[in-house]
Amino acid sequence: MTMGTRERITRTAKTIWRGLPSALLAWVIAALLVRLTIRDRLPLLSVLFYMTPLVVSAVLSGIAALIWLRRHCWRLSGLAGVLALLSLVWFHFSTYAHHYVVPGPTGERVVFWNAGRGVMGWDGVTRNLQDFDADLIGLVEAGPHNQQMERFWRDRFPDYQVRGPRDGMVLMARGTVVEKTMGDLGKGGKCGYYWVHLNGQWVEVLLVDIKSNPFRSRQEALSKLVRVADQLSDRPLIVMGDFNTPVDSAFVAPLKERLTNAFQACGNGYNVTWPVPIPVLSLDQVWVNSHLKLGSCELPWAWRSDHRPVVVTLSK
C-alpha cells in the first residue's frame, strides 16, 4: 500500500468519524417521525419503521451522545441523550404489560414457536416443546416437507395428532386435527387452516408465517388474513404465527379490532420475541376471538431458536 493510499484511507476514516454522530441522530429523528406518523404504510419509509425499533433508536442516540460528549459538544450530546431516554421510556410503555393472573381452573395450553429451521438442533427444540406440556402446538420453520420430517414429529409426539410439515408448518394437538387448506396470503406469506377438536369443542386454527422482507408491504398479507378471520368469526378461532410485523404496525390495527392479542390481554413483561438473545420486536403473536377466554400468556426463554415461543393458557 502506497503512502498516498494510506493518507486517503485516513482522511476518509476521519470524515466518517466526524459525521457519524450527526448521521446517527438524523436516522433516529427520521425513524421516530415515521413511527409517530405513517409508521409502515409506505413501502420505502417502512424500512425505517422495521429496522429501527425503539430500543435501537435509544442505542443509536446513546452512541451519538457519547461521541459528542467526548468532543465536548455539550448541547448536541444533551439532545442525543434526551432522545435516547425518551426512546427507552416509549419502548417501556408501549411493550410492557402486567396482568394479575386470576386463580382458578385453567383450560387448554397453546404454544406457538418459530423453530428456526432446527439450526440449533431438532432434539433441543423437541425437548423444549415437550416441557411446555401443551394441548395445541403450532410451529413454523419446522423442517422440509418430506417423509423423514413427518416421521420425526410423529415419533417425538406420539400422543398428538400431527399435521405437516407443509411449507415449514406443523400443527399438533391432543385431539383430532383436520387440515382444511394451505394457502398464500398474497405474495407476502403463508397460512394453514385447521379444525382442531379440544376438550369437547371444535376450534378453528390459522397458522401464519409472513415473509420478513422489510421492503415488502405487510398490507396484502394482513388484509387477506383479516378477511379469512371475518369468515370464521361465528366460531372459536385461534390465529397464531410469526407475523414478522410488530404489533404497533398500521396494518395490524384491523386485526386488533376483531381479535384479542393474548399477550396484551394477559401477559406479563415485555412483548418482544425476536431476535434472541436480545429481542427488540414483537413478531410472534397469538390472537383469539370472543368465543375463547384467555387465562395467561408467557414468553419463556428458549435458546434453540432466534425466536421466543408464545405460551397461552385458555380459561374455562
C-alpha atoms as a PDB file:
ATOM      1  CA  MET A   1       0.000   0.000   0.000  1.00  0.00           C
ATOM      2  CA  THR A   2       1.444   3.356  -1.031  1.00  0.00           C
ATOM      3  CA  MET A   3       1.736   6.406   1.208  1.00  0.00           C
ATOM      4  CA  GLY A   4      -0.918   8.220  -0.862  1.00  0.00           C
ATOM      5  CA  THR A   5      -3.391   5.356  -0.448  1.00  0.00           C
ATOM      6  CA  ARG A   6      -2.851   5.330   3.324  1.00  0.00           C
ATOM      7  CA  GLU A   7      -3.478   9.060   3.508  1.00  0.00           C
ATOM      8  CA  ARG A   8      -6.708   8.765   1.502  1.00  0.00           C
ATOM      9  CA  ILE A   9      -7.951   5.964   3.773  1.00  0.00           C
ATOM     10  CA  THR A  10      -7.046   8.005   6.848  1.00  0.00           C
ATOM     11  CA  ARG A  11      -8.836  11.115   5.546  1.00  0.00           C
ATOM     12  CA  THR A  12     -11.917   9.062   4.653  1.00  0.00           C
ATOM     13  CA  ALA A  13     -11.989   7.443   8.103  1.00  0.00           C
ATOM     14  CA  LYS A  14     -11.688  10.854   9.823  1.00  0.00           C
ATOM     15  CA  THR A  15     -14.504  12.275   7.681  1.00  0.00           C
ATOM     16  CA  ILE A  16     -16.765   9.341   8.556  1.00  0.00           C
ATOM     17  CA  TRP A  17     -15.901   9.655  12.241  1.00  0.00           C
ATOM     18  CA  ARG A  18     -16.668  13.400  12.243  1.00  0.00           C
ATOM     19  CA  GLY A  19     -20.028  12.887  10.602  1.00  0.00           C
ATOM     20  CA  LEU A  20     -21.030   9.688  12.426  1.00  0.00           C
ATOM     21  CA  PRO A  21     -22.965  11.175  15.377  1.00  0.00           C
ATOM     22  CA  SER A  22     -24.865  13.568  13.082  1.00  0.00           C
ATOM     23  CA  ALA A  23     -25.790  10.695  10.756  1.00  0.00           C
ATOM     24  CA  LEU A  24     -26.937   8.552  13.706  1.00  0.00           C
ATOM     25  CA  LEU A  25     -29.057  11.333  15.149  1.00  0.00           C
ATOM     26  CA  ALA A  26     -30.589  12.152  11.759  1.00  0.00           C
ATOM     27  CA  TRP A  27     -31.508   8.471  11.272  1.00  0.00           C
ATOM     28  CA  VAL A  28     -33.091   8.301  14.716  1.00  0.00           C
ATOM     29  CA  ILE A  29     -35.104  11.506  14.248  1.00  0.00           C
ATOM     30  CA  ALA A  30     -36.355  10.290  10.867  1.00  0.00           C
ATOM     31  CA  ALA A  31     -37.277   6.884  12.339  1.00  0.00           C
ATOM     32  CA  LEU A  32     -39.153   8.464  15.262  1.00  0.00           C
ATOM     33  CA  LEU A  33     -41.054  10.802  12.943  1.00  0.00           C
ATOM     34  CA  VAL A  34     -42.067   7.842  10.769  1.00  0.00           C
ATOM     35  CA  ARG A  35     -43.176   5.935  13.883  1.00  0.00           C
ATOM     36  CA  LEU A  36     -45.254   8.902  15.057  1.00  0.00           C
ATOM     37  CA  THR A  37     -46.950   9.454  11.700  1.00  0.00           C
ATOM     38  CA  ILE A  38     -47.199   6.982   8.825  1.00  0.00           C
ATOM     39  CA  ARG A  39     -45.483   4.009  10.512  1.00  0.00           C
ATOM     40  CA  ASP A  40     -45.174   1.250   7.869  1.00  0.00           C
ATOM     41  CA  ARG A  41     -47.826   2.457   5.440  1.00  0.00           C
ATOM     42  CA  LEU A  42     -45.310   3.471   2.726  1.00  0.00           C
ATOM     43  CA  PRO A  43     -43.055   0.649   1.467  1.00  0.00           C
ATOM     44  CA  LEU A  44     -39.737   2.539   1.363  1.00  0.00           C
ATOM     45  CA  LEU A  45     -40.173   4.503   4.571  1.00  0.00           C
ATOM     46  CA  SER A  46     -41.406   1.353   6.276  1.00  0.00           C
ATOM     47  CA  VAL A  47     -37.785   0.179   6.278  1.00  0.00           C
ATOM     48  CA  LEU A  48     -37.088   2.838   8.912  1.00  0.00           C
ATOM     49  CA  PHE A  49     -40.019   1.553  10.948  1.00  0.00           C
ATOM     50  CA  TYR A  50     -38.974  -2.108  10.830  1.00  0.00           C
ATOM     51  CA  MET A  51     -35.204  -1.639  11.134  1.00  0.00           C
ATOM     52  CA  THR A  52     -35.247   0.990  13.881  1.00  0.00           C
ATOM     53  CA  PRO A  53     -37.382  -0.248  16.773  1.00  0.00           C
ATOM     54  CA  LEU A  54     -37.382   1.994  19.812  1.00  0.00           C
ATOM     55  CA  VAL A  55     -34.590   0.123  21.577  1.00  0.00           C
ATOM     56  CA  VAL A  56     -32.358   0.552  18.523  1.00  0.00           C
ATOM     57  CA  SER A  57     -33.232   4.257  18.412  1.00  0.00           C
ATOM     58  CA  ALA A  58     -32.172   4.533  22.049  1.00  0.00           C
ATOM     59  CA  VAL A  59     -28.862   2.765  21.401  1.00  0.00           C
ATOM     60  CA  LEU A  60     -28.033   4.849  18.317  1.00  0.00           C
ATOM     61  CA  SER A  61     -28.891   8.076  20.147  1.00  0.00           C
ATOM     62  CA  GLY A  62     -26.806   6.961  23.105  1.00  0.00           C
ATOM     63  CA  ILE A  63     -23.783   6.306  20.877  1.00  0.00           C
ATOM     64  CA  ALA A  64     -24.143   9.754  19.302  1.00  0.00           C
ATOM     65  CA  ALA A  65     -24.427  11.323  22.767  1.00  0.00           C
ATOM     66  CA  LEU A  66     -21.231   9.630  23.967  1.00  0.00           C
ATOM     67  CA  ILE A  67     -19.266  10.673  20.881  1.00  0.00           C
ATOM     68  CA  TRP A  68     -20.342  14.305  21.252  1.00  0.00           C
ATOM     69  CA  LEU A  69     -19.668  14.154  24.976  1.00  0.00           C
ATOM     70  CA  ARG A  70     -16.110  13.057  24.245  1.00  0.00           C
ATOM     71  CA  ARG A  71     -15.785  16.019  21.869  1.00  0.00           C
ATOM     72  CA  HIS A  72     -17.208  18.411  24.499  1.00  0.00           C
ATOM     73  CA  CYS A  73     -20.217  19.223  22.303  1.00  0.00           C
ATOM     74  CA  TRP A  74     -22.477  19.603  25.307  1.00  0.00           C
ATOM     75  CA  ARG A  75     -25.700  20.717  23.623  1.00  0.00           C
ATOM     76  CA  LEU A  76     -25.631  18.079  20.911  1.00  0.00           C
ATOM     77  CA  SER A  77     -24.689  15.441  23.465  1.00  0.00           C
ATOM     78  CA  GLY A  78     -27.593  16.519  25.671  1.00  0.00           C
ATOM     79  CA  LEU A  79     -30.030  16.442  22.747  1.00  0.00           C
ATOM     80  CA  ALA A  80     -28.982  12.946  21.737  1.00  0.00           C
ATOM     81  CA  GLY A  81     -29.096  11.801  25.354  1.00  0.00           C
ATOM     82  CA  VAL A  82     -32.638  13.113  25.790  1.00  0.00           C
ATOM     83  CA  LEU A  83     -33.736  11.284  22.622  1.00  0.00           C
ATOM     84  CA  ALA A  84     -32.170   8.084  23.935  1.00  0.00           C
ATOM     85  CA  LEU A  85     -34.033   8.427  27.224  1.00  0.00           C
ATOM     86  CA  LEU A  86     -37.333   9.254  25.539  1.00  0.00           C
ATOM     87  CA  SER A  87     -36.967   6.247  23.223  1.00  0.00           C
ATOM     88  CA  LEU A  88     -36.412   3.937  26.190  1.00  0.00           C
ATOM     89  CA  VAL A  89     -39.415   5.350  28.048  1.00  0.00           C
ATOM     90  CA  TRP A  90     -41.562   4.993  24.916  1.00  0.00           C
ATOM     91  CA  PHE A  91     -40.355   1.417  24.473  1.00  0.00           C
ATOM     92  CA  HIS A  92     -41.249   0.555  28.056  1.00  0.00           C
ATOM     93  CA  PHE A  93     -44.768   1.947  27.947  1.00  0.00           C
ATOM     94  CA  SER A  94     -45.547   0.517  24.503  1.00  0.00           C
ATOM     95  CA  THR A  95     -44.260  -3.025  25.097  1.00  0.00           C
ATOM     96  CA  TYR A  96     -44.557  -3.752  28.824  1.00  0.00           C
ATOM     97  CA  ALA A  97     -47.637  -5.456  30.220  1.00  0.00           C
ATOM     98  CA  HIS A  98     -48.583  -6.509  33.719  1.00  0.00           C
ATOM     99  CA  HIS A  99     -51.704  -8.522  34.452  1.00  0.00           C
ATOM    100  CA  TYR A 100     -52.850 -10.274  37.562  1.00  0.00           C
ATOM    101  CA  VAL A 101     -53.499 -13.940  36.837  1.00  0.00           C
ATOM    102  CA  VAL A 102     -56.815 -14.877  38.404  1.00  0.00           C
ATOM    103  CA  PRO A 103     -56.563 -18.224  40.207  1.00  0.00           C
ATOM    104  CA  GLY A 104     -58.990 -20.890  39.150  1.00  0.00           C
ATOM    105  CA  PRO A 105     -59.433 -23.773  36.734  1.00  0.00           C
ATOM    106  CA  THR A 106     -57.460 -23.435  33.538  1.00  0.00           C
ATOM    107  CA  GLY A 107     -58.209 -24.662  30.073  1.00  0.00           C
ATOM    108  CA  GLU A 108     -56.009 -25.839  27.252  1.00  0.00           C
ATOM    109  CA  ARG A 109     -52.417 -24.730  26.805  1.00  0.00           C
ATOM    110  CA  VAL A 110     -51.471 -23.395  23.370  1.00  0.00           C
ATOM    111  CA  VAL A 111     -47.896 -22.922  22.163  1.00  0.00           C
ATOM    112  CA  PHE A 112     -46.637 -21.177  19.081  1.00  0.00           C
ATOM    113  CA  TRP A 113     -42.953 -21.192  18.148  1.00  0.00           C
ATOM    114  CA  ASN A 114     -40.818 -20.367  15.165  1.00  0.00           C
ATOM    115  CA  ALA A 115     -38.458 -23.346  15.351  1.00  0.00           C
ATOM    116  CA  GLY A 116     -35.700 -21.580  13.429  1.00  0.00           C
ATOM    117  CA  ARG A 117     -35.323 -24.408  10.877  1.00  0.00           C
ATOM    118  CA  GLY A 118     -33.701 -26.526  13.580  1.00  0.00           C
ATOM    119  CA  VAL A 119     -30.370 -24.733  13.185  1.00  0.00           C
ATOM    120  CA  MET A 120     -29.628 -25.245  16.889  1.00  0.00           C
ATOM    121  CA  GLY A 121     -30.663 -28.919  16.762  1.00  0.00           C
ATOM    122  CA  TRP A 122     -34.052 -30.561  16.458  1.00  0.00           C
ATOM    123  CA  ASP A 123     -33.546 -32.608  19.620  1.00  0.00           C
ATOM    124  CA  GLY A 124     -33.341 -29.444  21.700  1.00  0.00           C
ATOM    125  CA  VAL A 125     -36.414 -27.999  20.001  1.00  0.00           C
ATOM    126  CA  THR A 126     -38.481 -31.089  20.784  1.00  0.00           C
ATOM    127  CA  ARG A 127     -37.284 -31.187  24.408  1.00  0.00           C
ATOM    128  CA  ASN A 128     -38.396 -27.586  24.900  1.00  0.00           C
ATOM    129  CA  LEU A 129     -41.774 -28.320  23.339  1.00  0.00           C
ATOM    130  CA  GLN A 130     -42.301 -31.427  25.469  1.00  0.00           C
ATOM    131  CA  ASP A 131     -41.527 -29.398  28.592  1.00  0.00           C
ATOM    132  CA  PHE A 132     -44.351 -26.987  27.756  1.00  0.00           C
ATOM    133  CA  ASP A 133     -46.842 -29.882  28.005  1.00  0.00           C
ATOM    134  CA  ALA A 134     -49.206 -28.114  25.600  1.00  0.00           C
ATOM    135  CA  ASP A 135     -52.519 -29.327  24.218  1.00  0.00           C
ATOM    136  CA  LEU A 136     -52.056 -27.482  20.918  1.00  0.00           C
ATOM    137  CA  ILE A 137     -48.708 -26.670  19.279  1.00  0.00           C
ATOM    138  CA  GLY A 138     -48.182 -24.583  16.160  1.00  0.00           C
ATOM    139  CA  LEU A 139     -44.763 -24.356  14.535  1.00  0.00           C
ATOM    140  CA  VAL A 140     -43.286 -22.549  11.550  1.00  0.00           C
ATOM    141  CA  GLU A 141     -39.845 -23.110  10.028  1.00  0.00           C
ATOM    142  CA  ALA A 142     -40.271 -26.666  11.299  1.00  0.00           C
ATOM    143  CA  GLY A 143     -38.427 -28.504   8.568  1.00  0.00           C
ATOM    144  CA  PRO A 144     -38.895 -29.568   4.948  1.00  0.00           C
ATOM    145  CA  HIS A 145     -41.941 -31.409   3.642  1.00  0.00           C
ATOM    146  CA  ASN A 146     -40.669 -34.984   3.403  1.00  0.00           C
ATOM    147  CA  GLN A 147     -41.352 -38.365   4.960  1.00  0.00           C
ATOM    148  CA  GLN A 148     -38.334 -38.169   7.243  1.00  0.00           C
ATOM    149  CA  MET A 149     -39.537 -34.988   8.972  1.00  0.00           C
ATOM    150  CA  GLU A 150     -43.100 -36.249   9.116  1.00  0.00           C
ATOM    151  CA  ARG A 151     -41.900 -39.395  10.935  1.00  0.00           C
ATOM    152  CA  PHE A 152     -39.664 -37.285  13.168  1.00  0.00           C
ATOM    153  CA  TRP A 153     -42.530 -35.183  14.522  1.00  0.00           C
ATOM    154  CA  ARG A 154     -44.866 -38.156  14.895  1.00  0.00           C
ATOM    155  CA  ASP A 155     -42.235 -40.214  16.710  1.00  0.00           C
ATOM    156  CA  ARG A 156     -41.380 -37.394  19.107  1.00  0.00           C
ATOM    157  CA  PHE A 157     -45.024 -36.597  19.889  1.00  0.00           C
ATOM    158  CA  PRO A 158     -46.844 -39.937  19.869  1.00  0.00           C
ATOM    159  CA  ASP A 159     -49.745 -38.619  21.985  1.00  0.00           C
ATOM    160  CA  TYR A 160     -50.585 -35.933  19.429  1.00  0.00           C
ATOM    161  CA  GLN A 161     -52.221 -35.864  16.059  1.00  0.00           C
ATOM    162  CA  VAL A 162     -49.611 -34.249  13.801  1.00  0.00           C
ATOM    163  CA  ARG A 163     -50.186 -32.408  10.537  1.00  0.00           C
ATOM    164  CA  GLY A 164     -47.156 -31.350   8.492  1.00  0.00           C
ATOM    165  CA  PRO A 165     -44.633 -30.172   7.906  1.00  0.00           C
ATOM    166  CA  ARG A 166     -46.092 -28.436   4.882  1.00  0.00           C
ATOM    167  CA  ASP A 167     -44.472 -25.175   3.798  1.00  0.00           C
ATOM    168  CA  GLY A 168     -42.486 -25.468   7.017  1.00  0.00           C
ATOM    169  CA  MET A 169     -45.642 -25.538   9.170  1.00  0.00           C
ATOM    170  CA  VAL A 170     -46.549 -28.181  11.748  1.00  0.00           C
ATOM    171  CA  LEU A 171     -49.704 -28.343  13.847  1.00  0.00           C
ATOM    172  CA  MET A 172     -50.030 -30.883  16.686  1.00  0.00           C
ATOM    173  CA  ALA A 173     -52.870 -31.426  19.127  1.00  0.00           C
ATOM    174  CA  ARG A 174     -54.052 -33.779  21.842  1.00  0.00           C
ATOM    175  CA  GLY A 175     -57.237 -34.252  19.911  1.00  0.00           C
ATOM    176  CA  THR A 176     -58.499 -34.540  16.386  1.00  0.00           C
ATOM    177  CA  VAL A 177     -56.823 -32.324  13.789  1.00  0.00           C
ATOM    178  CA  VAL A 178     -58.362 -31.803  10.365  1.00  0.00           C
ATOM    179  CA  GLU A 179     -56.181 -29.941   7.896  1.00  0.00           C
ATOM    180  CA  LYS A 180     -58.509 -27.925   5.691  1.00  0.00           C
ATOM    181  CA  THR A 181     -56.285 -25.867   3.394  1.00  0.00           C
ATOM    182  CA  MET A 182     -52.805 -24.447   2.959  1.00  0.00           C
ATOM    183  CA  GLY A 183     -52.819 -21.118   1.185  1.00  0.00           C
ATOM    184  CA  ASP A 184     -50.900 -17.970   0.417  1.00  0.00           C
ATOM    185  CA  LEU A 185     -51.526 -14.603   1.995  1.00  0.00           C
ATOM    186  CA  GLY A 186     -50.988 -12.953  -1.353  1.00  0.00           C
ATOM    187  CA  LYS A 187     -47.279 -12.716  -2.092  1.00  0.00           C
ATOM    188  CA  GLY A 188     -46.474 -11.830   1.485  1.00  0.00           C
ATOM    189  CA  GLY A 189     -46.838 -15.072   3.413  1.00  0.00           C
ATOM    190  CA  LYS A 190     -48.496 -18.428   4.066  1.00  0.00           C
ATOM    191  CA  CYS A 191     -51.420 -19.584   6.148  1.00  0.00           C
ATOM    192  CA  GLY A 192     -52.576 -23.027   7.225  1.00  0.00           C
ATOM    193  CA  TYR A 193     -56.226 -23.560   8.148  1.00  0.00           C
ATOM    194  CA  TYR A 194     -57.147 -26.393  10.553  1.00  0.00           C
ATOM    195  CA  TRP A 195     -60.061 -27.708  12.567  1.00  0.00           C
ATOM    196  CA  VAL A 196     -58.985 -28.925  15.987  1.00  0.00           C
ATOM    197  CA  HIS A 197     -61.144 -30.777  18.497  1.00  0.00           C
ATOM    198  CA  LEU A 198     -60.077 -29.773  22.009  1.00  0.00           C
ATOM    199  CA  ASN A 199     -61.859 -30.574  25.239  1.00  0.00           C
ATOM    200  CA  GLY A 200     -65.207 -31.236  23.639  1.00  0.00           C
ATOM    201  CA  GLN A 201     -65.335 -28.351  21.179  1.00  0.00           C
ATOM    202  CA  TRP A 202     -64.115 -27.628  17.675  1.00  0.00           C
ATOM    203  CA  VAL A 203     -61.709 -24.722  17.335  1.00  0.00           C
ATOM    204  CA  GLU A 204     -60.638 -23.098  14.070  1.00  0.00           C
ATOM    205  CA  VAL A 205     -56.884 -22.504  13.890  1.00  0.00           C
ATOM    206  CA  LEU A 206     -54.993 -20.278  11.468  1.00  0.00           C
ATOM    207  CA  LEU A 207     -51.229 -20.840  11.480  1.00  0.00           C
ATOM    208  CA  VAL A 208     -49.433 -17.886   9.905  1.00  0.00           C
ATOM    209  CA  ASP A 209     -45.947 -17.245   8.550  1.00  0.00           C
ATOM    210  CA  ILE A 210     -45.491 -13.810   6.945  1.00  0.00           C
ATOM    211  CA  LYS A 211     -42.343 -13.046   4.971  1.00  0.00           C
ATOM    212  CA  SER A 212     -39.675 -10.956   6.675  1.00  0.00           C
ATOM    213  CA  ASN A 213     -38.566  -8.779   3.737  1.00  0.00           C
ATOM    214  CA  PRO A 214     -38.516  -5.195   5.151  1.00  0.00           C
ATOM    215  CA  PHE A 215     -39.050  -3.784   1.646  1.00  0.00           C
ATOM    216  CA  ARG A 216     -42.315  -5.709   1.153  1.00  0.00           C
ATOM    217  CA  SER A 217     -45.513  -4.181   2.467  1.00  0.00           C
ATOM    218  CA  ARG A 218     -47.439  -6.255   5.007  1.00  0.00           C
ATOM    219  CA  GLN A 219     -50.746  -4.779   3.846  1.00  0.00           C
ATOM    220  CA  GLU A 220     -51.710  -7.533   1.389  1.00  0.00           C
ATOM    221  CA  ALA A 221     -50.899 -10.408   3.743  1.00  0.00           C
ATOM    222  CA  LEU A 222     -52.621  -8.939   6.791  1.00  0.00           C
ATOM    223  CA  SER A 223     -55.648  -7.731   4.833  1.00  0.00           C
ATOM    224  CA  LYS A 224     -56.181 -11.228   3.468  1.00  0.00           C
ATOM    225  CA  LEU A 225     -55.730 -12.714   6.953  1.00  0.00           C
ATOM    226  CA  VAL A 226     -58.375 -10.339   8.311  1.00  0.00           C
ATOM    227  CA  ARG A 227     -60.808 -11.405   5.568  1.00  0.00           C
ATOM    228  CA  VAL A 228     -60.293 -15.065   6.465  1.00  0.00           C
ATOM    229  CA  ALA A 229     -60.769 -14.297  10.180  1.00  0.00           C
ATOM    230  CA  ASP A 230     -64.015 -12.466   9.381  1.00  0.00           C
ATOM    231  CA  GLN A 231     -65.339 -15.567   7.629  1.00  0.00           C
ATOM    232  CA  LEU A 232     -64.674 -17.598  10.793  1.00  0.00           C
ATOM    233  CA  SER A 233     -65.962 -15.029  13.306  1.00  0.00           C
ATOM    234  CA  ASP A 234     -69.014 -17.093  14.319  1.00  0.00           C
ATOM    235  CA  ARG A 235     -66.941 -19.907  15.878  1.00  0.00           C
ATOM    236  CA  PRO A 236     -63.955 -20.242  18.256  1.00  0.00           C
ATOM    237  CA  LEU A 237     -60.818 -19.060  16.478  1.00  0.00           C
ATOM    238  CA  ILE A 238     -57.083 -19.025  17.273  1.00  0.00           C
ATOM    239  CA  VAL A 239     -54.693 -17.139  14.987  1.00  0.00           C
ATOM    240  CA  MET A 240     -51.032 -17.723  15.750  1.00  0.00           C
ATOM    241  CA  GLY A 241     -47.807 -17.302  13.917  1.00  0.00           C
ATOM    242  CA  ASP A 242     -44.679 -15.411  13.042  1.00  0.00           C
ATOM    243  CA  PHE A 243     -46.168 -12.219  11.679  1.00  0.00           C
ATOM    244  CA  ASN A 244     -42.784 -10.623  11.011  1.00  0.00           C
ATOM    245  CA  THR A 245     -44.715  -7.466  11.786  1.00  0.00           C
ATOM    246  CA  PRO A 246     -44.660  -5.723  15.186  1.00  0.00           C
ATOM    247  CA  VAL A 247     -47.975  -5.251  16.945  1.00  0.00           C
ATOM    248  CA  ASP A 248     -47.781  -1.460  16.542  1.00  0.00           C
ATOM    249  CA  SER A 249     -47.805  -1.768  12.737  1.00  0.00           C
ATOM    250  CA  ALA A 250     -50.508   0.230  10.967  1.00  0.00           C
ATOM    251  CA  PHE A 251     -51.602  -2.967   9.220  1.00  0.00           C
ATOM    252  CA  VAL A 252     -52.178  -4.865  12.478  1.00  0.00           C
ATOM    253  CA  ALA A 253     -54.856  -2.366  13.559  1.00  0.00           C
ATOM    254  CA  PRO A 254     -57.731  -4.128  11.677  1.00  0.00           C
ATOM    255  CA  LEU A 255     -56.766  -7.389  13.404  1.00  0.00           C
ATOM    256  CA  LYS A 256     -56.931  -5.649  16.796  1.00  0.00           C
ATOM    257  CA  GLU A 257     -60.474  -4.517  16.023  1.00  0.00           C
ATOM    258  CA  ARG A 258     -61.614  -8.126  15.555  1.00  0.00           C
ATOM    259  CA  LEU A 259     -59.388 -10.282  17.774  1.00  0.00           C
ATOM    260  CA  THR A 260     -57.633 -10.104  21.119  1.00  0.00           C
ATOM    261  CA  ASN A 261     -53.856 -10.302  21.335  1.00  0.00           C
ATOM    262  CA  ALA A 262     -53.057 -12.841  24.058  1.00  0.00           C
ATOM    263  CA  PHE A 263     -50.015 -11.069  25.469  1.00  0.00           C
ATOM    264  CA  GLN A 264     -51.640  -7.649  25.537  1.00  0.00           C
ATOM    265  CA  ALA A 265     -54.657  -9.137  27.306  1.00  0.00           C
ATOM    266  CA  CYS A 266     -52.976 -11.322  29.938  1.00  0.00           C
ATOM    267  CA  GLY A 267     -49.192 -11.290  29.518  1.00  0.00           C
ATOM    268  CA  ASN A 268     -46.502 -10.073  31.891  1.00  0.00           C
ATOM    269  CA  GLY A 269     -43.237  -8.407  30.951  1.00  0.00           C
ATOM    270  CA  TYR A 270     -42.082  -7.126  27.582  1.00  0.00           C
ATOM    271  CA  ASN A 271     -43.820  -8.442  24.475  1.00  0.00           C
ATOM    272  CA  VAL A 272     -40.696  -8.639  22.283  1.00  0.00           C
ATOM    273  CA  THR A 273     -39.792 -12.053  20.836  1.00  0.00           C
ATOM    274  CA  TRP A 274     -37.003 -11.537  18.261  1.00  0.00           C
ATOM    275  CA  PRO A 275     -34.041 -11.798  17.972  1.00  0.00           C
ATOM    276  CA  VAL A 276     -32.911 -13.996  20.839  1.00  0.00           C
ATOM    277  CA  PRO A 277     -30.833 -13.331  22.944  1.00  0.00           C
ATOM    278  CA  ILE A 278     -31.674  -9.597  22.766  1.00  0.00           C
ATOM    279  CA  PRO A 279     -35.238  -9.354  21.406  1.00  0.00           C
ATOM    280  CA  VAL A 280     -36.440  -5.941  20.260  1.00  0.00           C
ATOM    281  CA  LEU A 281     -39.507  -6.732  18.095  1.00  0.00           C
ATOM    282  CA  SER A 282     -42.864  -8.389  18.863  1.00  0.00           C
ATOM    283  CA  LEU A 283     -43.068 -10.603  15.782  1.00  0.00           C
ATOM    284  CA  ASP A 284     -44.558 -13.802  17.254  1.00  0.00           C
ATOM    285  CA  GLN A 285     -48.182 -13.478  18.289  1.00  0.00           C
ATOM    286  CA  VAL A 286     -51.278 -15.415  19.324  1.00  0.00           C
ATOM    287  CA  TRP A 287     -54.754 -13.951  18.842  1.00  0.00           C
ATOM    288  CA  VAL A 288     -58.209 -15.278  19.761  1.00  0.00           C
ATOM    289  CA  ASN A 289     -61.749 -14.135  19.070  1.00  0.00           C
ATOM    290  CA  SER A 290     -64.561 -13.514  21.550  1.00  0.00           C
ATOM    291  CA  HIS A 291     -65.611 -17.187  21.637  1.00  0.00           C
ATOM    292  CA  LEU A 292     -62.480 -18.082  23.636  1.00  0.00           C
ATOM    293  CA  LYS A 293     -61.365 -16.827  27.047  1.00  0.00           C
ATOM    294  CA  LEU A 294     -57.732 -16.136  27.892  1.00  0.00           C
ATOM    295  CA  GLY A 295     -56.113 -17.081  31.173  1.00  0.00           C
ATOM    296  CA  SER A 296     -52.420 -16.219  30.837  1.00  0.00           C
ATOM    297  CA  CYS A 297     -49.683 -15.636  28.293  1.00  0.00           C
ATOM    298  CA  GLU A 298     -45.938 -16.174  28.715  1.00  0.00           C
ATOM    299  CA  LEU A 299     -42.874 -15.644  26.542  1.00  0.00           C
ATOM    300  CA  PRO A 300     -40.383 -18.120  28.013  1.00  0.00           C
ATOM    301  CA  TRP A 301     -36.709 -18.099  27.115  1.00  0.00           C
ATOM    302  CA  ALA A 302     -35.677 -20.929  24.832  1.00  0.00           C
ATOM    303  CA  TRP A 303     -32.266 -20.961  23.186  1.00  0.00           C
ATOM    304  CA  ARG A 304     -32.937 -23.365  20.301  1.00  0.00           C
ATOM    305  CA  SER A 305     -34.265 -20.647  18.016  1.00  0.00           C
ATOM    306  CA  ASP A 306     -33.802 -16.945  17.394  1.00  0.00           C
ATOM    307  CA  HIS A 307     -37.490 -16.507  18.351  1.00  0.00           C
ATOM    308  CA  ARG A 308     -39.061 -16.803  21.795  1.00  0.00           C
ATOM    309  CA  PRO A 309     -42.069 -19.133  21.996  1.00  0.00           C
ATOM    310  CA  VAL A 310     -45.514 -17.852  22.937  1.00  0.00           C
ATOM    311  CA  VAL A 311     -47.326 -19.952  25.574  1.00  0.00           C
ATOM    312  CA  VAL A 312     -51.003 -19.217  26.108  1.00  0.00           C
ATOM    313  CA  THR A 313     -53.316 -20.822  28.639  1.00  0.00           C
ATOM    314  CA  LEU A 314     -57.012 -20.580  27.902  1.00  0.00           C
ATOM    315  CA  SER A 315     -59.529 -20.055  30.663  1.00  0.00           C
ATOM    316  CA  LYS A 316     -62.579 -22.191  31.275  1.00  0.00           C
END
